[in-house]
Amino acid sequence: MSLTREDVFARLTPLFRDTFDDDDLVPTEDLSAHDVEEWDSLSHIRLVVAIEGDLGITFTTGELAGLENVGQMVDLILAKL
């Protein structure tokens, strides 16, 4: 699968909106858990599982632990595709 950065953000948008139950949420490069009130440890797991299922990839705990924002997550996703 060959996706552009824009493609990944387009795929992530409905996953973020569903996970955080916010139809107006738009993931951006700098968005982090501190910016989304509903983003707690459980919703983080739900988001990761949704991303893995949608894109057919898997993350290690170590990979996820170092992420500071959505832009870094997109970098990781692109590296796995």
N, C-alpha and C. Protein backbone atom coordinates (compact mmCIF):
# COMPACT_ATOMS: atom_id res chain seq x y z
N MET A 1 0.85 -1.18 0.00
CA MET A 1 0.00 0.00 0.00
C MET A 1 0.90 1.24 0.00
N SER A 2 0.65 2.13 -0.91
CA SER A 2 1.45 3.35 -1.00
C SER A 2 0.54 4.55 -0.77
N LEU A 3 0.66 5.14 0.40
CA LEU A 3 -0.17 6.29 0.74
C LEU A 3 0.71 7.51 0.94
N THR A 4 0.16 8.67 0.62
CA THR A 4 0.83 9.92 0.91
C THR A 4 0.47 10.35 2.33
N ARG A 5 1.18 11.35 2.81
CA ARG A 5 0.89 11.90 4.14
C ARG A 5 -0.58 12.37 4.19
N GLU A 6 -1.02 13.03 3.13
CA GLU A 6 -2.40 13.51 3.07
C GLU A 6 -3.40 12.35 3.09
N ASP A 7 -3.05 11.26 2.40
CA ASP A 7 -3.90 10.06 2.41
C ASP A 7 -4.05 9.51 3.83
N VAL A 8 -2.93 9.47 4.55
CA VAL A 8 -2.97 8.94 5.92
C VAL A 8 -3.86 9.82 6.79
N PHE A 9 -3.71 11.13 6.71
CA PHE A 9 -4.57 12.01 7.49
C PHE A 9 -6.04 11.81 7.11
N ALA A 10 -6.32 11.62 5.83
CA ALA A 10 -7.71 11.38 5.40
C ALA A 10 -8.24 10.08 5.98
N ARG A 11 -7.40 9.07 6.09
CA ARG A 11 -7.82 7.79 6.70
C ARG A 11 -7.99 7.93 8.21
N LEU A 12 -7.14 8.76 8.84
CA LEU A 12 -7.21 8.91 10.29
C LEU A 12 -8.41 9.73 10.75
N THR A 13 -8.85 10.68 9.95
CA THR A 13 -9.92 11.58 10.40
C THR A 13 -11.16 10.84 10.88
N PRO A 14 -11.74 9.91 10.10
CA PRO A 14 -12.93 9.22 10.62
C PRO A 14 -12.62 8.34 11.83
N LEU A 15 -11.41 7.82 11.92
CA LEU A 15 -11.04 6.99 13.08
C LEU A 15 -10.97 7.84 14.34
N PHE A 16 -10.39 9.03 14.24
CA PHE A 16 -10.34 9.95 15.38
C PHE A 16 -11.74 10.38 15.77
N ARG A 17 -12.56 10.73 14.78
CA ARG A 17 -13.92 11.20 15.07
C ARG A 17 -14.75 10.13 15.75
N ASP A 18 -14.60 8.89 15.31
CA ASP A 18 -15.34 7.78 15.91
C ASP A 18 -14.82 7.49 17.31
N THR A 19 -13.51 7.43 17.47
CA THR A 19 -12.92 7.10 18.77
C THR A 19 -13.28 8.13 19.83
N PHE A 20 -13.21 9.41 19.47
CA PHE A 20 -13.44 10.46 20.44
C PHE A 20 -14.84 11.05 20.36
N ASP A 21 -15.72 10.44 19.54
CA ASP A 21 -17.11 10.84 19.41
C ASP A 21 -17.25 12.34 19.18
N ASP A 22 -16.49 12.84 18.20
CA ASP A 22 -16.47 14.27 17.89
C ASP A 22 -16.42 14.42 16.37
N ASP A 23 -17.57 14.74 15.78
CA ASP A 23 -17.67 14.83 14.32
C ASP A 23 -16.89 16.00 13.73
N ASP A 24 -16.42 16.91 14.57
CA ASP A 24 -15.68 18.07 14.09
C ASP A 24 -14.17 17.93 14.27
N LEU A 25 -13.73 16.86 14.91
CA LEU A 25 -12.30 16.69 15.19
C LEU A 25 -11.52 16.44 13.90
N VAL A 26 -10.46 17.20 13.73
CA VAL A 26 -9.58 17.05 12.57
C VAL A 26 -8.17 16.82 13.08
N PRO A 27 -7.62 15.62 12.87
CA PRO A 27 -6.25 15.39 13.31
C PRO A 27 -5.28 16.24 12.49
N THR A 28 -4.36 16.88 13.19
CA THR A 28 -3.35 17.72 12.55
C THR A 28 -1.97 17.25 13.01
N GLU A 29 -0.94 17.76 12.38
CA GLU A 29 0.43 17.39 12.72
C GLU A 29 0.73 17.55 14.20
N ASP A 30 0.26 18.65 14.78
CA ASP A 30 0.62 18.99 16.16
C ASP A 30 -0.39 18.51 17.20
N LEU A 31 -1.50 17.92 16.78
CA LEU A 31 -2.51 17.46 17.73
C LEU A 31 -1.92 16.40 18.65
N SER A 32 -2.22 16.52 19.95
CA SER A 32 -1.75 15.53 20.91
C SER A 32 -2.86 15.22 21.91
N ALA A 33 -2.61 14.27 22.77
CA ALA A 33 -3.59 13.87 23.77
C ALA A 33 -3.98 15.04 24.68
N HIS A 34 -3.08 15.98 24.85
CA HIS A 34 -3.36 17.15 25.70
C HIS A 34 -4.42 18.06 25.09
N ASP A 35 -4.63 17.94 23.78
CA ASP A 35 -5.56 18.81 23.06
C ASP A 35 -6.98 18.26 22.99
N VAL A 36 -7.16 16.99 23.33
CA VAL A 36 -8.47 16.33 23.19
C VAL A 36 -8.89 15.84 24.57
N GLU A 37 -9.93 16.43 25.11
CA GLU A 37 -10.36 16.12 26.48
C GLU A 37 -10.64 14.64 26.69
N GLU A 38 -11.21 13.98 25.68
CA GLU A 38 -11.60 12.57 25.82
C GLU A 38 -10.44 11.60 25.59
N TRP A 39 -9.26 12.12 25.27
CA TRP A 39 -8.11 11.26 24.94
C TRP A 39 -7.44 10.80 26.22
N ASP A 40 -7.87 9.63 26.69
CA ASP A 40 -7.28 9.02 27.88
C ASP A 40 -6.64 7.69 27.46
N SER A 41 -6.17 6.94 28.44
CA SER A 41 -5.45 5.70 28.09
C SER A 41 -6.34 4.70 27.37
N LEU A 42 -7.60 4.59 27.75
CA LEU A 42 -8.50 3.64 27.09
C LEU A 42 -8.81 4.08 25.66
N SER A 43 -9.10 5.36 25.48
CA SER A 43 -9.40 5.83 24.12
C SER A 43 -8.15 5.75 23.24
N HIS A 44 -6.98 5.90 23.84
CA HIS A 44 -5.74 5.77 23.08
C HIS A 44 -5.61 4.34 22.52
N ILE A 45 -5.91 3.36 23.36
CA ILE A 45 -5.85 1.96 22.92
C ILE A 45 -6.88 1.72 21.81
N ARG A 46 -8.08 2.24 21.99
CA ARG A 46 -9.12 2.08 20.97
C ARG A 46 -8.69 2.71 19.65
N LEU A 47 -8.05 3.88 19.73
CA LEU A 47 -7.58 4.55 18.52
C LEU A 47 -6.50 3.73 17.83
N VAL A 48 -5.54 3.24 18.59
CA VAL A 48 -4.45 2.44 18.02
C VAL A 48 -5.00 1.18 17.36
N VAL A 49 -5.92 0.50 18.01
CA VAL A 49 -6.51 -0.71 17.45
C VAL A 49 -7.26 -0.38 16.15
N ALA A 50 -7.97 0.75 16.14
CA ALA A 50 -8.70 1.15 14.93
C ALA A 50 -7.73 1.45 13.79
N ILE A 51 -6.64 2.13 14.09
CA ILE A 51 -5.64 2.45 13.06
C ILE A 51 -5.00 1.17 12.53
N GLU A 52 -4.62 0.28 13.44
CA GLU A 52 -4.01 -0.98 13.02
C GLU A 52 -4.96 -1.77 12.12
N GLY A 53 -6.23 -1.84 12.50
CA GLY A 53 -7.21 -2.59 11.72
C GLY A 53 -7.46 -1.95 10.36
N ASP A 54 -7.55 -0.64 10.33
CA ASP A 54 -7.85 0.06 9.09
C ASP A 54 -6.69 -0.02 8.10
N LEU A 55 -5.47 0.09 8.60
CA LEU A 55 -4.31 0.15 7.72
C LEU A 55 -3.57 -1.18 7.60
N GLY A 56 -3.97 -2.17 8.39
CA GLY A 56 -3.34 -3.48 8.30
C GLY A 56 -1.90 -3.49 8.79
N ILE A 57 -1.63 -2.70 9.82
CA ILE A 57 -0.28 -2.64 10.40
C ILE A 57 -0.37 -2.91 11.89
N THR A 58 0.76 -3.13 12.52
CA THR A 58 0.79 -3.28 13.98
C THR A 58 1.91 -2.41 14.54
N PHE A 59 1.66 -1.92 15.73
CA PHE A 59 2.64 -1.09 16.44
C PHE A 59 3.15 -1.87 17.64
N THR A 60 4.39 -1.60 18.02
CA THR A 60 4.90 -2.13 19.28
C THR A 60 4.65 -1.09 20.37
N THR A 61 4.65 -1.53 21.60
CA THR A 61 4.47 -0.61 22.72
C THR A 61 5.57 0.44 22.72
N GLY A 62 6.78 0.03 22.42
CA GLY A 62 7.90 0.96 22.38
C GLY A 62 7.74 2.04 21.33
N GLU A 63 7.22 1.66 20.17
CA GLU A 63 6.99 2.65 19.11
C GLU A 63 5.98 3.69 19.56
N LEU A 64 4.92 3.24 20.20
CA LEU A 64 3.86 4.15 20.61
C LEU A 64 4.27 5.03 21.78
N ALA A 65 5.11 4.50 22.66
CA ALA A 65 5.50 5.25 23.86
C ALA A 65 6.26 6.53 23.53
N GLY A 66 6.96 6.54 22.42
CA GLY A 66 7.76 7.71 22.08
C GLY A 66 7.02 8.78 21.30
N LEU A 67 5.78 8.53 20.93
CA LEU A 67 5.04 9.49 20.11
C LEU A 67 4.55 10.68 20.94
N GLU A 68 4.75 11.87 20.40
CA GLU A 68 4.32 13.08 21.10
C GLU A 68 3.13 13.77 20.44
N ASN A 69 2.88 13.47 19.17
CA ASN A 69 1.76 14.10 18.48
C ASN A 69 1.35 13.26 17.27
N VAL A 70 0.29 13.67 16.62
CA VAL A 70 -0.25 12.91 15.50
C VAL A 70 0.73 12.91 14.32
N GLY A 71 1.46 13.98 14.12
CA GLY A 71 2.44 14.03 13.05
C GLY A 71 3.47 12.91 13.18
N GLN A 72 3.92 12.66 14.41
CA GLN A 72 4.87 11.58 14.63
C GLN A 72 4.22 10.22 14.40
N MET A 73 2.94 10.12 14.73
CA MET A 73 2.22 8.87 14.46
C MET A 73 2.13 8.63 12.96
N VAL A 74 1.86 9.69 12.20
CA VAL A 74 1.79 9.57 10.75
C VAL A 74 3.15 9.15 10.19
N ASP A 75 4.23 9.72 10.73
CA ASP A 75 5.58 9.30 10.32
C ASP A 75 5.76 7.80 10.52
N LEU A 76 5.33 7.31 11.69
CA LEU A 76 5.46 5.89 12.01
C LEU A 76 4.61 5.05 11.07
N ILE A 77 3.39 5.49 10.81
CA ILE A 77 2.50 4.77 9.89
C ILE A 77 3.13 4.68 8.50
N LEU A 78 3.64 5.78 8.00
CA LEU A 78 4.25 5.79 6.67
C LEU A 78 5.46 4.87 6.61
N ALA A 79 6.21 4.78 7.69
CA ALA A 79 7.37 3.90 7.73
C ALA A 79 6.96 2.44 7.68
N LYS A 80 5.75 2.12 8.16
CA LYS A 80 5.28 0.74 8.20
C LYS A 80 4.56 0.31 6.92
N LEU A 81 4.18 1.25 6.10
CA LEU A 81 3.43 0.91 4.88
C LEU A 81 4.36 0.58 3.74
